[in-house]
Amino acid sequence: MTTQRQKGFEYEHIEIPQSWVNAALRQYGMFHWELVGTQTVVSKESHIERGKGLFDSDTIYSVTTTERFATVDLKRDLNITNLDKIKAVESQYFDTCNRLIGIGCSPVNEYGPPPKKSIGLVGLLLYCFYIVPGILYSKKINGDNEKTANTYKELRVSVKSAACSE
């Protein structure tokens, strides 16, 4: 029985924050993607707004927003051995990575622990003026941090197992 090999390449185009480019190239490289090209995109948008407050409704503001990101073009040979298995592991890996990004992790630091929440000004005011609500609010924040940490641990195990099964 002979297996017919496909000819050609498949291509992927991604748009990511500029600081993520090196991390993304390492990740995609694990699944046999090769860099075709990158481009930095700077998008500026300007408009005029009228003040919205009671005392500045006659004031006009010029507002400019700048967005900076990178586009990365990749290709992968279709003749790679076990391409279907690689695609399955790749899909699982990137799904897990997206979930890690969703809880605040970043590929720049190889999905290190997410930043912890602090009680902030609201919690401080609650502590100063209402001790019991302040304690309850602090416990809620600590519970959220613990839940995020547990999710992070589970996802890291999933990422490591996906990367190892490649």
Protein backbone atom coordinates (compact mmCIF):
# COMPACT_ATOMS: atom_id res chain seq x y z
CA MET A 1 0.00 0.00 0.00
CA THR A 2 1.50 3.32 -1.01
CA THR A 3 0.68 6.57 0.64
CA GLN A 4 0.23 9.58 -1.58
CA ARG A 5 2.08 12.60 -0.33
CA GLN A 6 0.54 16.03 -0.64
CA LYS A 7 2.48 18.67 -2.44
CA GLY A 8 2.77 22.21 -1.25
CA PHE A 9 2.47 24.26 1.87
CA GLU A 10 -0.19 25.54 4.18
CA TYR A 11 -0.06 29.12 5.36
CA GLU A 12 -0.99 30.93 8.57
CA HIS A 13 -1.40 34.68 9.11
CA ILE A 14 -1.55 35.95 12.72
CA GLU A 15 -1.85 39.42 14.25
CA ILE A 16 -0.31 39.73 17.72
CA PRO A 17 1.11 42.37 20.04
CA GLN A 18 4.59 43.34 18.89
CA SER A 19 6.17 42.13 22.15
CA TRP A 20 4.83 38.61 21.53
CA VAL A 21 6.55 37.99 18.16
CA ASN A 22 9.58 36.02 19.42
CA ALA A 23 7.46 33.90 21.76
CA ALA A 24 4.97 33.16 18.97
CA LEU A 25 7.74 32.12 16.59
CA ARG A 26 9.11 29.70 19.20
CA GLN A 27 5.65 28.24 19.78
CA TYR A 28 4.76 27.84 16.12
CA GLY A 29 8.23 26.43 15.44
CA MET A 30 7.41 23.49 17.73
CA PHE A 31 4.74 22.50 15.19
CA HIS A 32 7.00 22.83 12.11
CA TRP A 33 5.86 26.31 11.05
CA GLU A 34 8.48 28.44 9.29
CA LEU A 35 8.58 32.23 9.20
CA VAL A 36 7.72 33.79 5.85
CA GLY A 37 7.64 37.41 6.98
CA THR A 38 6.66 39.91 9.64
CA GLN A 39 5.36 43.43 9.52
CA THR A 40 4.79 46.05 12.19
CA VAL A 41 1.48 47.86 11.87
CA VAL A 42 0.89 51.24 13.47
CA SER A 43 -2.67 52.48 13.29
CA LYS A 44 -3.59 55.98 14.43
CA GLU A 45 -7.09 57.33 14.77
CA SER A 46 -7.91 60.92 15.71
CA HIS A 47 -11.20 62.60 16.42
CA ILE A 48 -12.63 65.53 18.34
CA GLU A 49 -14.83 65.16 21.43
CA ARG A 50 -16.82 67.66 23.41
CA GLY A 51 -16.39 67.67 27.19
CA LYS A 52 -19.02 65.62 28.99
CA GLY A 53 -18.86 67.08 32.46
CA LEU A 54 -20.95 69.83 33.96
CA PHE A 55 -18.08 72.33 33.95
CA ASP A 56 -16.39 71.45 30.65
CA SER A 57 -19.33 70.95 28.27
CA ASP A 58 -18.07 73.85 26.12
CA THR A 59 -14.52 72.45 25.91
CA ILE A 60 -13.41 70.56 22.81
CA TYR A 61 -10.73 67.86 23.07
CA SER A 62 -8.63 66.29 20.33
CA VAL A 63 -8.34 62.56 21.02
CA THR A 64 -5.76 60.38 19.27
CA THR A 65 -5.43 56.64 19.79
CA THR A 66 -2.52 54.58 18.52
CA GLU A 67 -2.56 50.82 18.09
CA ARG A 68 0.68 48.94 17.44
CA PHE A 69 0.79 45.27 16.54
CA ALA A 70 2.69 42.86 14.33
CA THR A 71 1.52 40.57 11.58
CA VAL A 72 3.36 37.28 11.16
CA ASP A 73 3.10 35.07 8.09
CA LEU A 74 4.07 31.41 8.48
CA LYS A 75 4.16 28.33 6.25
CA ARG A 76 4.33 24.60 6.89
CA ASP A 77 5.21 21.81 4.48
CA LEU A 78 2.33 19.39 3.90
CA ASN A 79 4.77 16.44 3.57
CA ILE A 80 5.60 16.30 7.28
CA THR A 81 5.30 12.83 8.80
CA ASN A 82 2.29 12.47 11.13
CA LEU A 83 0.91 15.89 10.15
CA ASP A 84 -2.59 14.98 11.40
CA LYS A 85 -1.24 14.13 14.87
CA ILE A 86 0.85 17.31 14.91
CA LYS A 87 -2.24 19.36 14.02
CA ALA A 88 -4.26 17.73 16.81
CA VAL A 89 -1.57 18.43 19.43
CA GLU A 90 -1.12 21.95 18.04
CA SER A 91 -4.84 22.67 18.37
CA GLN A 92 -4.90 21.41 21.96
CA TYR A 93 -1.75 23.39 22.81
CA PHE A 94 -3.00 26.70 21.42
CA ASP A 95 -6.45 26.24 22.99
CA THR A 96 -4.73 25.87 26.36
CA CYS A 97 -2.49 28.88 25.63
CA ASN A 98 -5.55 31.00 24.80
CA ARG A 99 -7.13 29.99 28.10
CA LEU A 100 -3.92 31.01 29.91
CA ILE A 101 -3.99 34.37 28.14
CA GLY A 102 -7.62 34.70 29.24
CA ILE A 103 -6.62 34.55 32.91
CA GLY A 104 -3.86 37.12 32.46
CA CYS A 105 -0.77 35.08 31.56
CA SER A 106 1.53 36.12 28.73
CA PRO A 107 3.60 34.14 26.23
CA VAL A 108 6.39 36.69 26.71
CA ASN A 109 7.26 35.22 30.12
CA GLU A 110 6.37 31.68 28.96
CA TYR A 111 2.94 31.82 30.61
CA GLY A 112 4.25 32.60 34.08
CA PRO A 113 1.76 33.11 36.90
CA PRO A 114 -0.95 35.70 36.25
CA PRO A 115 -0.78 39.00 38.11
CA LYS A 116 -2.52 38.99 41.48
CA LYS A 117 -5.36 41.34 42.24
CA SER A 118 -5.07 43.73 45.13
CA ILE A 119 -7.84 45.13 47.27
CA GLY A 120 -7.13 48.59 45.89
CA LEU A 121 -8.68 51.85 46.99
CA VAL A 122 -12.18 50.36 47.37
CA GLY A 123 -10.91 47.72 49.78
CA LEU A 124 -8.90 50.28 51.71
CA LEU A 125 -11.95 52.52 52.10
CA LEU A 126 -14.02 49.55 53.20
CA TYR A 127 -11.36 48.68 55.78
CA CYS A 128 -11.24 52.24 57.08
CA PHE A 129 -14.98 52.83 57.30
CA TYR A 130 -16.50 49.40 57.49
CA ILE A 131 -14.30 46.72 58.96
CA VAL A 132 -16.58 43.74 58.28
CA PRO A 133 -17.25 44.57 54.58
CA GLY A 134 -13.54 45.21 54.17
CA ILE A 135 -12.69 41.77 55.52
CA LEU A 136 -15.32 40.14 53.32
CA TYR A 137 -14.06 42.01 50.25
CA SER A 138 -10.49 40.98 51.04
CA LYS A 139 -11.56 37.34 51.35
CA LYS A 140 -13.32 37.58 47.99
CA ILE A 141 -10.17 38.93 46.32
CA ASN A 142 -8.05 36.22 47.97
CA GLY A 143 -10.55 33.59 46.79
CA ASP A 144 -10.37 34.96 43.24
CA ASN A 145 -6.57 34.85 43.37
CA GLU A 146 -6.64 31.26 44.62
CA LYS A 147 -9.12 30.21 41.91
CA THR A 148 -6.95 31.83 39.23
CA ALA A 149 -3.84 30.13 40.64
CA ASN A 150 -5.54 26.71 40.55
CA THR A 151 -6.72 27.25 36.98
CA TYR A 152 -3.21 28.35 36.07
CA LYS A 153 -1.68 25.18 37.57
CA GLU A 154 -4.12 22.96 35.66
CA LEU A 155 -3.47 24.74 32.38
CA ARG A 156 0.32 24.66 32.80
CA VAL A 157 0.16 20.88 33.26
CA SER A 158 -1.95 20.66 30.11
CA VAL A 159 0.50 22.84 28.12
CA LYS A 160 3.50 20.80 29.27
CA SER A 161 1.81 17.50 28.41
CA ALA A 162 0.81 18.82 24.98
CA ALA A 163 4.32 20.07 24.26
CA CYS A 164 5.87 16.79 25.44
CA SER A 165 3.55 14.63 23.33
CA GLU A 166 4.82 16.33 20.19
